[in-house]
Amino acid sequence: MSLPPAYLPLDQDGFPRPVVVLEGVSGIGKTTLADIVTQRLNATSLHTLPLPHSEWSSVANCRLRSLPQLAFYLSGVLHASDSIRRSRMTGPVVADRYVSSVIACHAAVHGIAVETVTKLVEPYRPYLVEPTHTFYLRCAESVLRERMARKRDLKQDDRELFTVPGRLARLFTNFEAVSATDPTAVVIDTDDRTPDELADRIVAQLEAGSA
């Protein structure tokens, strides 16, 4: 589906810089890694959901049924795309989550097939900035439990990873499925690697792509 002129993204002046997206389940280390990569690249950092959506997400999760909830998260990622589009004209952008998280997490929470959610999102793809690379972080469940035990700002979604039967397994499976069809995907195993070592890998990947 082509978008009508009123729905097309605004043109930006400048030369578009790299867009790096970090994806994976909660607690795997995306935020820590995003901070390091942002500093190394002198980049703009962005979290999906951005403001104002991040302030409304808990209400949306509690009060909205599954389809309105997907529409809420989709509007957040469309808004994030506008921010990415502006920021990448002056420097690189590092995003902690993007559209893949919307698909994988929504499908896991509501017991919907990834393919179904992907089809619902597909008409809006022309609006979304395509990342230069999307780094999908993986780890063993035992490692994730150790990392989550050290996390200070546990949210309801974090707790439900281990309290809702099958939630974590579905998320692992969904991120695998999304990454398998993502042309920008780079899968990285994070077990036994420090955040700095992972940042080395990401920066090297970007440098190799620009060589």
N, C-alpha and C. Protein backbone atom coordinates (compact mmCIF):
# COMPACT_ATOMS: atom_id res chain seq x y z
N MET A 1 0.84 -1.20 0.00
CA MET A 1 0.00 0.00 0.00
C MET A 1 0.88 1.25 0.00
N SER A 2 0.61 2.16 -0.95
CA SER A 2 1.34 3.41 -0.96
C SER A 2 0.61 4.41 -0.08
N LEU A 3 1.38 5.25 0.61
CA LEU A 3 0.80 6.21 1.54
C LEU A 3 0.38 7.47 0.80
N PRO A 4 -0.75 8.06 1.16
CA PRO A 4 -1.14 9.35 0.55
C PRO A 4 -0.19 10.44 1.00
N PRO A 5 -0.12 11.54 0.24
CA PRO A 5 0.87 12.60 0.54
C PRO A 5 0.82 13.11 1.98
N ALA A 6 -0.37 13.22 2.54
CA ALA A 6 -0.48 13.76 3.91
C ALA A 6 0.18 12.85 4.94
N TYR A 7 0.36 11.56 4.60
CA TYR A 7 0.94 10.59 5.53
C TYR A 7 2.40 10.29 5.25
N LEU A 8 2.97 10.91 4.25
CA LEU A 8 4.37 10.66 3.95
C LEU A 8 5.26 11.35 4.97
N PRO A 9 6.41 10.75 5.32
CA PRO A 9 7.33 11.41 6.25
C PRO A 9 7.90 12.67 5.65
N LEU A 10 8.25 13.62 6.51
CA LEU A 10 8.81 14.88 6.05
C LEU A 10 10.24 14.67 5.54
N ASP A 11 10.56 15.35 4.45
CA ASP A 11 11.93 15.31 3.93
C ASP A 11 12.86 16.04 4.91
N GLN A 12 14.08 15.50 5.05
CA GLN A 12 15.07 16.11 5.93
C GLN A 12 16.30 16.49 5.11
N ASP A 13 16.87 17.63 5.46
CA ASP A 13 18.08 18.08 4.77
C ASP A 13 19.31 17.47 5.43
N GLY A 14 20.28 17.06 4.61
CA GLY A 14 21.51 16.51 5.15
C GLY A 14 21.78 15.11 4.62
N PHE A 15 22.89 14.55 5.03
CA PHE A 15 23.29 13.21 4.60
C PHE A 15 22.96 12.22 5.71
N PRO A 16 22.12 11.22 5.45
CA PRO A 16 21.70 10.30 6.52
C PRO A 16 22.84 9.44 7.05
N ARG A 17 23.02 9.45 8.37
CA ARG A 17 24.05 8.66 9.03
C ARG A 17 23.49 7.30 9.44
N PRO A 18 24.35 6.41 9.96
CA PRO A 18 23.91 5.06 10.33
C PRO A 18 22.85 5.07 11.44
N VAL A 19 21.97 4.10 11.35
CA VAL A 19 20.97 3.85 12.40
C VAL A 19 21.21 2.45 12.95
N VAL A 20 21.55 2.37 14.23
CA VAL A 20 21.83 1.10 14.89
C VAL A 20 20.69 0.79 15.85
N VAL A 21 20.11 -0.40 15.72
CA VAL A 21 19.03 -0.82 16.59
C VAL A 21 19.47 -2.04 17.39
N LEU A 22 19.18 -2.03 18.68
CA LEU A 22 19.46 -3.17 19.55
C LEU A 22 18.14 -3.82 19.95
N GLU A 23 18.02 -5.11 19.71
CA GLU A 23 16.79 -5.84 20.00
C GLU A 23 17.07 -7.05 20.89
N GLY A 24 16.04 -7.51 21.58
CA GLY A 24 16.17 -8.68 22.44
C GLY A 24 15.24 -8.57 23.62
N VAL A 25 15.14 -9.63 24.40
CA VAL A 25 14.23 -9.66 25.54
C VAL A 25 14.70 -8.70 26.63
N SER A 26 13.78 -8.30 27.49
CA SER A 26 14.11 -7.42 28.61
C SER A 26 15.18 -8.05 29.48
N GLY A 27 16.11 -7.22 29.95
CA GLY A 27 17.16 -7.69 30.86
C GLY A 27 18.38 -8.25 30.18
N ILE A 28 18.38 -8.32 28.87
CA ILE A 28 19.52 -8.94 28.18
C ILE A 28 20.72 -8.00 28.10
N GLY A 29 20.49 -6.70 28.33
CA GLY A 29 21.60 -5.76 28.34
C GLY A 29 21.57 -4.70 27.26
N LYS A 30 20.40 -4.51 26.64
CA LYS A 30 20.30 -3.55 25.53
C LYS A 30 20.63 -2.12 25.97
N THR A 31 20.08 -1.70 27.10
CA THR A 31 20.24 -0.31 27.53
C THR A 31 21.69 0.00 27.87
N THR A 32 22.35 -0.91 28.60
CA THR A 32 23.76 -0.72 28.93
C THR A 32 24.60 -0.66 27.67
N LEU A 33 24.35 -1.56 26.75
CA LEU A 33 25.10 -1.59 25.50
C LEU A 33 24.81 -0.36 24.66
N ALA A 34 23.55 0.06 24.62
CA ALA A 34 23.19 1.25 23.84
C ALA A 34 23.94 2.48 24.35
N ASP A 35 24.09 2.60 25.66
CA ASP A 35 24.83 3.74 26.22
C ASP A 35 26.28 3.75 25.76
N ILE A 36 26.90 2.57 25.76
CA ILE A 36 28.31 2.47 25.36
C ILE A 36 28.47 2.78 23.87
N VAL A 37 27.62 2.17 23.04
CA VAL A 37 27.72 2.39 21.59
C VAL A 37 27.42 3.85 21.25
N THR A 38 26.46 4.45 21.94
CA THR A 38 26.14 5.86 21.72
C THR A 38 27.36 6.74 21.98
N GLN A 39 28.08 6.47 23.07
CA GLN A 39 29.27 7.25 23.39
C GLN A 39 30.36 7.05 22.36
N ARG A 40 30.56 5.81 21.94
CA ARG A 40 31.65 5.54 20.98
C ARG A 40 31.40 6.18 19.62
N LEU A 41 30.12 6.22 19.23
CA LEU A 41 29.78 6.76 17.91
C LEU A 41 29.45 8.25 17.96
N ASN A 42 29.44 8.81 19.19
CA ASN A 42 28.99 10.20 19.36
C ASN A 42 27.61 10.35 18.71
N ALA A 43 26.73 9.46 19.09
CA ALA A 43 25.43 9.32 18.44
C ALA A 43 24.31 9.90 19.30
N THR A 44 23.13 10.00 18.69
CA THR A 44 21.90 10.31 19.41
C THR A 44 21.30 9.00 19.90
N SER A 45 20.88 8.98 21.16
CA SER A 45 20.28 7.78 21.74
C SER A 45 18.76 7.91 21.76
N LEU A 46 18.08 6.81 21.44
CA LEU A 46 16.63 6.82 21.38
C LEU A 46 16.09 5.52 21.95
N HIS A 47 15.02 5.60 22.73
CA HIS A 47 14.36 4.40 23.24
C HIS A 47 12.97 4.33 22.63
N THR A 48 12.61 3.15 22.19
CA THR A 48 11.26 2.91 21.72
C THR A 48 10.53 2.09 22.80
N LEU A 49 9.59 2.66 23.46
CA LEU A 49 8.78 3.82 23.12
C LEU A 49 9.40 5.13 23.59
N PRO A 50 9.35 6.16 22.73
CA PRO A 50 9.81 7.48 23.16
C PRO A 50 8.68 8.23 23.86
N LEU A 51 9.02 9.37 24.43
CA LEU A 51 7.99 10.27 24.95
C LEU A 51 7.13 10.77 23.79
N PRO A 52 5.84 10.99 23.98
CA PRO A 52 5.08 10.83 25.23
C PRO A 52 4.56 9.42 25.46
N HIS A 53 4.77 8.51 24.49
CA HIS A 53 4.19 7.17 24.59
C HIS A 53 4.68 6.40 25.82
N SER A 54 5.95 6.60 26.18
CA SER A 54 6.50 5.84 27.30
C SER A 54 5.76 6.13 28.60
N GLU A 55 5.18 7.33 28.73
CA GLU A 55 4.44 7.67 29.93
C GLU A 55 3.05 7.04 29.95
N TRP A 56 2.58 6.62 28.80
CA TRP A 56 1.22 6.07 28.69
C TRP A 56 1.20 4.55 28.59
N SER A 57 2.36 3.92 28.45
CA SER A 57 2.38 2.49 28.12
C SER A 57 1.74 1.62 29.19
N SER A 58 1.95 1.93 30.47
CA SER A 58 1.37 1.08 31.52
C SER A 58 -0.15 1.15 31.48
N VAL A 59 -0.71 2.33 31.21
CA VAL A 59 -2.17 2.46 31.09
C VAL A 59 -2.67 1.70 29.86
N ALA A 60 -1.95 1.83 28.75
CA ALA A 60 -2.34 1.12 27.53
C ALA A 60 -2.33 -0.39 27.74
N ASN A 61 -1.33 -0.89 28.46
CA ASN A 61 -1.23 -2.33 28.69
C ASN A 61 -2.38 -2.83 29.56
N CYS A 62 -2.83 -2.00 30.49
CA CYS A 62 -3.89 -2.42 31.41
C CYS A 62 -5.29 -2.27 30.83
N ARG A 63 -5.50 -1.22 30.04
CA ARG A 63 -6.86 -0.85 29.66
C ARG A 63 -7.25 -1.17 28.22
N LEU A 64 -6.27 -1.34 27.35
CA LEU A 64 -6.59 -1.56 25.94
C LEU A 64 -6.60 -3.04 25.60
N ARG A 65 -7.56 -3.43 24.76
CA ARG A 65 -7.56 -4.78 24.22
C ARG A 65 -6.46 -4.91 23.18
N SER A 66 -6.27 -6.12 22.70
CA SER A 66 -5.05 -6.42 21.94
C SER A 66 -4.88 -5.57 20.68
N LEU A 67 -5.93 -5.37 19.88
CA LEU A 67 -5.74 -4.59 18.65
C LEU A 67 -5.51 -3.11 18.93
N PRO A 68 -6.31 -2.45 19.80
CA PRO A 68 -5.97 -1.07 20.15
C PRO A 68 -4.59 -0.94 20.78
N GLN A 69 -4.18 -1.94 21.53
CA GLN A 69 -2.85 -1.90 22.14
C GLN A 69 -1.77 -1.94 21.07
N LEU A 70 -1.95 -2.78 20.05
CA LEU A 70 -0.99 -2.81 18.95
C LEU A 70 -0.95 -1.46 18.25
N ALA A 71 -2.12 -0.84 18.05
CA ALA A 71 -2.17 0.46 17.39
C ALA A 71 -1.41 1.51 18.21
N PHE A 72 -1.51 1.42 19.54
CA PHE A 72 -0.78 2.34 20.40
C PHE A 72 0.73 2.18 20.21
N TYR A 73 1.22 0.93 20.25
CA TYR A 73 2.66 0.70 20.10
C TYR A 73 3.13 1.03 18.68
N LEU A 74 2.28 0.78 17.70
CA LEU A 74 2.64 1.14 16.33
C LEU A 74 2.76 2.65 16.19
N SER A 75 1.86 3.40 16.82
CA SER A 75 1.98 4.86 16.75
C SER A 75 3.26 5.33 17.42
N GLY A 76 3.68 4.62 18.48
CA GLY A 76 4.94 4.96 19.14
C GLY A 76 6.14 4.74 18.25
N VAL A 77 6.15 3.64 17.52
CA VAL A 77 7.30 3.36 16.66
C VAL A 77 7.31 4.27 15.43
N LEU A 78 6.12 4.69 14.97
CA LEU A 78 6.06 5.67 13.89
C LEU A 78 6.62 7.01 14.36
N HIS A 79 6.29 7.38 15.58
CA HIS A 79 6.82 8.62 16.16
C HIS A 79 8.34 8.50 16.35
N ALA A 80 8.80 7.33 16.80
CA ALA A 80 10.24 7.11 16.94
C ALA A 80 10.94 7.25 15.59
N SER A 81 10.30 6.79 14.54
CA SER A 81 10.89 6.88 13.21
C SER A 81 11.09 8.34 12.79
N ASP A 82 10.13 9.20 13.15
CA ASP A 82 10.29 10.63 12.86
C ASP A 82 11.51 11.19 13.58
N SER A 83 11.68 10.79 14.84
CA SER A 83 12.84 11.27 15.61
C SER A 83 14.14 10.76 15.01
N ILE A 84 14.16 9.50 14.60
CA ILE A 84 15.35 8.93 13.95
C ILE A 84 15.67 9.68 12.67
N ARG A 85 14.64 9.96 11.90
CA ARG A 85 14.84 10.62 10.61
C ARG A 85 15.48 12.00 10.80
N ARG A 86 15.04 12.73 11.81
CA ARG A 86 15.63 14.05 12.06
C ARG A 86 17.06 13.93 12.57
N SER A 87 17.26 13.03 13.54
CA SER A 87 18.57 12.96 14.21
C SER A 87 19.67 12.42 13.30
N ARG A 88 19.33 11.52 12.38
CA ARG A 88 20.37 10.90 11.56
C ARG A 88 20.93 11.85 10.50
N MET A 89 20.34 13.00 10.35
CA MET A 89 20.87 13.99 9.41
C MET A 89 22.11 14.69 9.96
N THR A 90 22.30 14.61 11.27
CA THR A 90 23.46 15.27 11.88
C THR A 90 24.44 14.29 12.52
N GLY A 91 24.07 13.03 12.65
CA GLY A 91 24.97 12.05 13.24
C GLY A 91 24.29 10.70 13.36
N PRO A 92 25.04 9.67 13.78
CA PRO A 92 24.46 8.34 13.94
C PRO A 92 23.36 8.33 15.01
N VAL A 93 22.51 7.31 14.93
CA VAL A 93 21.44 7.12 15.91
C VAL A 93 21.53 5.70 16.44
N VAL A 94 21.40 5.55 17.76
CA VAL A 94 21.36 4.24 18.40
C VAL A 94 20.00 4.10 19.07
N ALA A 95 19.22 3.11 18.66
CA ALA A 95 17.88 2.91 19.19
C ALA A 95 17.82 1.64 20.03
N ASP A 96 17.35 1.81 21.26
CA ASP A 96 17.10 0.69 22.16
C ASP A 96 15.67 0.23 21.90
N ARG A 97 15.52 -0.80 21.09
CA ARG A 97 14.26 -1.35 20.58
C ARG A 97 13.74 -0.53 19.40
N TYR A 98 12.96 -1.23 18.56
CA TYR A 98 12.32 -0.57 17.42
C TYR A 98 11.15 -1.45 17.01
N VAL A 99 10.85 -1.53 15.74
CA VAL A 99 9.63 -2.21 15.31
C VAL A 99 9.66 -3.71 15.62
N SER A 100 10.83 -4.34 15.60
CA SER A 100 10.90 -5.78 15.88
C SER A 100 10.41 -6.12 17.28
N SER A 101 10.69 -5.24 18.24
CA SER A 101 10.20 -5.46 19.59
C SER A 101 8.69 -5.34 19.66
N VAL A 102 8.12 -4.39 18.92
CA VAL A 102 6.67 -4.25 18.89
C VAL A 102 6.03 -5.55 18.41
N ILE A 103 6.59 -6.13 17.36
CA ILE A 103 6.03 -7.36 16.80
C ILE A 103 6.24 -8.54 17.74
N ALA A 104 7.48 -8.75 18.17
CA ALA A 104 7.79 -9.93 18.99
C ALA A 104 7.09 -9.90 20.34
N CYS A 105 7.08 -8.73 20.98
CA CYS A 105 6.50 -8.64 22.32
C CYS A 105 4.97 -8.71 22.27
N HIS A 106 4.37 -8.01 21.32
CA HIS A 106 2.91 -8.04 21.21
C HIS A 106 2.43 -9.47 20.92
N ALA A 107 3.11 -10.14 20.02
CA ALA A 107 2.72 -11.51 19.69
C ALA A 107 2.86 -12.43 20.90
N ALA A 108 3.92 -12.26 21.69
CA ALA A 108 4.14 -13.11 22.86
C ALA A 108 3.11 -12.86 23.95
N VAL A 109 2.80 -11.60 24.21
CA VAL A 109 1.86 -11.26 25.28
C VAL A 109 0.45 -11.76 24.97
N HIS A 110 0.05 -11.67 23.72
CA HIS A 110 -1.34 -11.98 23.36
C HIS A 110 -1.50 -13.35 22.71
N GLY A 111 -0.42 -14.10 22.60
CA GLY A 111 -0.51 -15.44 22.02
C GLY A 111 -0.90 -15.43 20.55
N ILE A 112 -0.38 -14.44 19.82
CA ILE A 112 -0.67 -14.29 18.40
C ILE A 112 0.57 -14.67 17.60
N ALA A 113 0.37 -15.24 16.43
CA ALA A 113 1.50 -15.62 15.58
C ALA A 113 2.26 -14.38 15.13
N VAL A 114 3.58 -14.47 15.11
CA VAL A 114 4.42 -13.37 14.64
C VAL A 114 4.02 -12.95 13.23
N GLU A 115 3.70 -13.91 12.40
CA GLU A 115 3.34 -13.60 11.01
C GLU A 115 2.09 -12.73 10.94
N THR A 116 1.14 -12.97 11.85
CA THR A 116 -0.10 -12.18 11.87
C THR A 116 0.18 -10.73 12.23
N VAL A 117 0.99 -10.53 13.27
CA VAL A 117 1.33 -9.17 13.69
C VAL A 117 2.15 -8.47 12.61
N THR A 118 3.05 -9.19 12.00
CA THR A 118 3.88 -8.62 10.94
C THR A 118 3.03 -8.10 9.79
N LYS A 119 1.98 -8.85 9.42
CA LYS A 119 1.10 -8.42 8.33
C LYS A 119 0.33 -7.15 8.70
N LEU A 120 -0.04 -7.02 9.97
CA LEU A 120 -0.76 -5.82 10.41
C LEU A 120 0.14 -4.60 10.36
N VAL A 121 1.43 -4.80 10.63
CA VAL A 121 2.39 -3.69 10.62
C VAL A 121 2.82 -3.32 9.20
N GLU A 122 2.78 -4.28 8.30
CA GLU A 122 3.37 -4.13 6.96
C GLU A 122 2.91 -2.88 6.21
N PRO A 123 1.63 -2.48 6.23
CA PRO A 123 1.24 -1.29 5.47
C PRO A 123 1.96 -0.01 5.89
N TYR A 124 2.53 0.00 7.10
CA TYR A 124 3.18 1.20 7.61
C TYR A 124 4.70 1.18 7.40
N ARG A 125 5.21 0.13 6.79
CA ARG A 125 6.65 0.02 6.57
C ARG A 125 7.22 1.18 5.76
N PRO A 126 6.49 1.69 4.73
CA PRO A 126 7.07 2.79 3.96
C PRO A 126 7.38 4.03 4.80
N TYR A 127 6.72 4.17 5.95
CA TYR A 127 6.96 5.34 6.81
C TYR A 127 8.17 5.13 7.71
N LEU A 128 8.48 3.88 8.01
CA LEU A 128 9.49 3.57 9.02
C LEU A 128 10.91 3.63 8.43
N VAL A 129 11.79 4.32 9.12
CA VAL A 129 13.20 4.33 8.73
C VAL A 129 13.76 2.92 8.85
N GLU A 130 14.46 2.46 7.82
CA GLU A 130 15.09 1.15 7.90
C GLU A 130 16.47 1.29 8.55
N PRO A 131 16.74 0.52 9.59
CA PRO A 131 18.05 0.60 10.25
C PRO A 131 19.19 0.17 9.31
N THR A 132 20.38 0.68 9.60
CA THR A 132 21.57 0.20 8.91
C THR A 132 21.84 -1.24 9.33
N HIS A 133 21.79 -1.48 10.65
CA HIS A 133 21.91 -2.83 11.21
C HIS A 133 20.98 -2.93 12.41
N THR A 134 20.36 -4.09 12.54
CA THR A 134 19.59 -4.41 13.74
C THR A 134 20.29 -5.56 14.44
N PHE A 135 20.84 -5.30 15.61
CA PHE A 135 21.59 -6.31 16.34
C PHE A 135 20.66 -7.01 17.33
N TYR A 136 20.41 -8.28 17.06
CA TYR A 136 19.55 -9.09 17.92
C TYR A 136 20.42 -9.80 18.96
N LEU A 137 20.24 -9.43 20.21
CA LEU A 137 21.05 -9.99 21.29
C LEU A 137 20.40 -11.26 21.82
N ARG A 138 21.21 -12.30 21.97
CA ARG A 138 20.73 -13.57 22.50
C ARG A 138 21.54 -13.98 23.71
N CYS A 139 20.92 -14.76 24.59
CA CYS A 139 21.65 -15.35 25.71
C CYS A 139 20.88 -16.55 26.22
N ALA A 140 21.53 -17.38 27.03
CA ALA A 140 20.87 -18.52 27.65
C ALA A 140 19.92 -18.03 28.73
N GLU A 141 18.89 -18.82 29.01
CA GLU A 141 17.93 -18.43 30.05
C GLU A 141 18.60 -18.26 31.41
N SER A 142 19.55 -19.12 31.72
CA SER A 142 20.24 -19.01 33.02
C SER A 142 20.99 -17.69 33.12
N VAL A 143 21.61 -17.26 32.02
CA VAL A 143 22.34 -15.99 32.01
C VAL A 143 21.36 -14.83 32.16
N LEU A 144 20.21 -14.92 31.49
CA LEU A 144 19.20 -13.86 31.59
C LEU A 144 18.70 -13.73 33.02
N ARG A 145 18.49 -14.85 33.69
CA ARG A 145 18.03 -14.79 35.08
C ARG A 145 19.07 -14.10 35.97
N GLU A 146 20.34 -14.37 35.73
CA GLU A 146 21.40 -13.71 36.50
C GLU A 146 21.40 -12.20 36.25
N ARG A 147 21.26 -11.82 34.99
CA ARG A 147 21.26 -10.39 34.66
C ARG A 147 20.03 -9.69 35.23
N MET A 148 18.89 -10.36 35.14
CA MET A 148 17.67 -9.75 35.65
C MET A 148 17.72 -9.59 37.17
N ALA A 149 18.41 -10.50 37.85
CA ALA A 149 18.53 -10.40 39.30
C ALA A 149 19.32 -9.17 39.71
N ARG A 150 20.18 -8.67 38.81
CA ARG A 150 20.98 -7.48 39.10
C ARG A 150 20.32 -6.20 38.63
N LYS A 151 19.21 -6.32 37.93
CA LYS A 151 18.54 -5.15 37.39
C LYS A 151 17.81 -4.41 38.51
N ARG A 152 17.99 -3.12 38.59
CA ARG A 152 17.45 -2.33 39.70
C ARG A 152 16.04 -1.83 39.43
N ASP A 153 15.73 -1.53 38.19
CA ASP A 153 14.44 -0.91 37.86
C ASP A 153 13.49 -1.91 37.20
N LEU A 154 13.17 -2.99 37.92
CA LEU A 154 12.30 -4.02 37.36
C LEU A 154 10.90 -3.46 37.11
N LYS A 155 10.40 -3.71 35.91
CA LYS A 155 9.04 -3.31 35.55
C LYS A 155 8.14 -4.54 35.54
N GLN A 156 6.85 -4.30 35.37
CA GLN A 156 5.90 -5.41 35.35
C GLN A 156 6.23 -6.40 34.24
N ASP A 157 6.59 -5.88 33.07
CA ASP A 157 6.95 -6.76 31.95
C ASP A 157 8.15 -7.64 32.29
N ASP A 158 9.10 -7.08 33.05
CA ASP A 158 10.28 -7.85 33.45
C ASP A 158 9.88 -9.02 34.34
N ARG A 159 9.03 -8.75 35.32
CA ARG A 159 8.60 -9.79 36.25
C ARG A 159 7.81 -10.89 35.54
N GLU A 160 7.01 -10.47 34.57
CA GLU A 160 6.16 -11.43 33.87
C GLU A 160 6.95 -12.38 32.97
N LEU A 161 8.20 -12.03 32.66
CA LEU A 161 9.04 -12.95 31.88
C LEU A 161 9.12 -14.32 32.56
N PHE A 162 9.15 -14.31 33.89
CA PHE A 162 9.34 -15.56 34.64
C PHE A 162 8.09 -16.01 35.38
N THR A 163 7.11 -15.12 35.54
CA THR A 163 5.91 -15.50 36.28
C THR A 163 4.77 -15.96 35.39
N VAL A 164 4.72 -15.48 34.14
CA VAL A 164 3.68 -15.91 33.21
C VAL A 164 4.17 -17.15 32.47
N PRO A 165 3.47 -18.27 32.61
CA PRO A 165 3.93 -19.51 31.97
C PRO A 165 4.11 -19.35 30.45
N GLY A 166 5.28 -19.73 29.97
CA GLY A 166 5.56 -19.73 28.54
C GLY A 166 5.96 -18.40 27.95
N ARG A 167 5.89 -17.30 28.75
CA ARG A 167 6.16 -15.98 28.19
C ARG A 167 7.60 -15.87 27.65
N LEU A 168 8.58 -16.28 28.44
CA LEU A 168 9.97 -16.14 28.02
C LEU A 168 10.26 -17.00 26.80
N ALA A 169 9.75 -18.22 26.81
CA ALA A 169 9.98 -19.10 25.66
C ALA A 169 9.38 -18.51 24.38
N ARG A 170 8.18 -17.93 24.50
CA ARG A 170 7.57 -17.31 23.32
C ARG A 170 8.38 -16.13 22.83
N LEU A 171 8.91 -15.33 23.76
CA LEU A 171 9.72 -14.19 23.35
C LEU A 171 11.00 -14.62 22.64
N PHE A 172 11.68 -15.62 23.20
CA PHE A 172 12.88 -16.13 22.53
C PHE A 172 12.54 -16.60 21.11
N THR A 173 11.46 -17.36 20.99
CA THR A 173 11.04 -17.88 19.68
C THR A 173 10.66 -16.75 18.73
N ASN A 174 9.94 -15.76 19.25
CA ASN A 174 9.48 -14.67 18.39
C ASN A 174 10.63 -13.82 17.86
N PHE A 175 11.60 -13.52 18.72
CA PHE A 175 12.74 -12.73 18.24
C PHE A 175 13.55 -13.52 17.21
N GLU A 176 13.64 -14.83 17.38
CA GLU A 176 14.30 -15.65 16.37
C GLU A 176 13.57 -15.56 15.04
N ALA A 177 12.23 -15.63 15.10
CA ALA A 177 11.42 -15.59 13.88
C ALA A 177 11.53 -14.23 13.19
N VAL A 178 11.49 -13.16 13.97
CA VAL A 178 11.57 -11.82 13.38
C VAL A 178 12.95 -11.59 12.76
N SER A 179 13.99 -12.00 13.46
CA SER A 179 15.34 -11.79 12.93
C SER A 179 15.59 -12.58 11.65
N ALA A 180 14.94 -13.73 11.54
CA ALA A 180 15.15 -14.58 10.36
C ALA A 180 14.64 -13.94 9.08
N THR A 181 13.70 -13.01 9.18
CA THR A 181 13.15 -12.34 7.99
C THR A 181 13.58 -10.88 7.89
N ASP A 182 14.48 -10.46 8.75
CA ASP A 182 14.93 -9.06 8.78
C ASP A 182 16.21 -8.91 7.97
N PRO A 183 16.18 -8.19 6.85
CA PRO A 183 17.39 -8.04 6.02
C PRO A 183 18.50 -7.24 6.71
N THR A 184 18.19 -6.54 7.79
CA THR A 184 19.21 -5.76 8.50
C THR A 184 19.76 -6.51 9.72
N ALA A 185 19.34 -7.75 9.92
CA ALA A 185 19.64 -8.48 11.16
C ALA A 185 21.09 -8.93 11.26
N VAL A 186 21.65 -8.74 12.47
CA VAL A 186 22.92 -9.33 12.87
C VAL A 186 22.68 -9.94 14.25
N VAL A 187 22.78 -11.25 14.35
CA VAL A 187 22.51 -11.93 15.61
C VAL A 187 23.81 -12.08 16.40
N ILE A 188 23.77 -11.68 17.67
CA ILE A 188 24.96 -11.72 18.52
C ILE A 188 24.65 -12.49 19.80
N ASP A 189 25.43 -13.52 20.07
CA ASP A 189 25.33 -14.24 21.34
C ASP A 189 26.10 -13.45 22.40
N THR A 190 25.44 -13.15 23.50
CA THR A 190 26.03 -12.28 24.52
C THR A 190 26.58 -13.04 25.72
N ASP A 191 26.39 -14.35 25.77
CA ASP A 191 26.93 -15.12 26.90
C ASP A 191 28.45 -14.95 26.95
N ASP A 192 28.96 -14.74 28.16
CA ASP A 192 30.41 -14.64 28.40
C ASP A 192 31.07 -13.50 27.64
N ARG A 193 30.30 -12.47 27.30
CA ARG A 193 30.88 -11.28 26.66
C ARG A 193 30.50 -10.05 27.46
N THR A 194 31.45 -9.18 27.68
CA THR A 194 31.18 -7.95 28.40
C THR A 194 30.51 -6.95 27.47
N PRO A 195 29.83 -5.94 28.03
CA PRO A 195 29.25 -4.90 27.18
C PRO A 195 30.27 -4.23 26.27
N ASP A 196 31.49 -4.01 26.78
CA ASP A 196 32.52 -3.39 25.94
C ASP A 196 32.91 -4.29 24.77
N GLU A 197 32.99 -5.59 25.01
CA GLU A 197 33.30 -6.53 23.92
C GLU A 197 32.20 -6.54 22.87
N LEU A 198 30.95 -6.46 23.33
CA LEU A 198 29.82 -6.42 22.39
C LEU A 198 29.84 -5.11 21.60
N ALA A 199 30.18 -4.03 22.27
CA ALA A 199 30.28 -2.74 21.57
C ALA A 199 31.38 -2.78 20.51
N ASP A 200 32.50 -3.45 20.83
CA ASP A 200 33.58 -3.61 19.84
C ASP A 200 33.04 -4.29 18.58
N ARG A 201 32.23 -5.34 18.78
CA ARG A 201 31.67 -6.09 17.65
C ARG A 201 30.75 -5.20 16.81
N ILE A 202 29.93 -4.41 17.46
CA ILE A 202 28.98 -3.56 16.74
C ILE A 202 29.70 -2.48 15.96
N VAL A 203 30.65 -1.81 16.59
CA VAL A 203 31.40 -0.76 15.91
C VAL A 203 32.20 -1.33 14.74
N ALA A 204 32.78 -2.50 14.94
CA ALA A 204 33.54 -3.13 13.84
C ALA A 204 32.62 -3.46 12.66
N GLN A 205 31.40 -3.91 12.95
CA GLN A 205 30.44 -4.23 11.90
C GLN A 205 30.10 -2.97 11.09
N LEU A 206 29.90 -1.87 11.80
CA LEU A 206 29.59 -0.61 11.12
C LEU A 206 30.76 -0.14 10.26
N GLU A 207 31.97 -0.25 10.81
CA GLU A 207 33.15 0.18 10.06
C GLU A 207 33.37 -0.68 8.82
N ALA A 208 33.10 -1.97 8.95
CA ALA A 208 33.24 -2.87 7.80
C ALA A 208 32.25 -2.53 6.71
N GLY A 209 31.05 -2.11 7.13
CA GLY A 209 30.02 -1.76 6.15
C GLY A 209 30.31 -0.47 5.41
N SER A 210 31.08 0.42 6.04
CA SER A 210 31.38 1.70 5.41
C SER A 210 32.70 1.70 4.65
N ALA A 211 33.45 0.57 4.75
CA ALA A 211 34.74 0.51 4.09
C ALA A 211 34.60 0.38 2.58
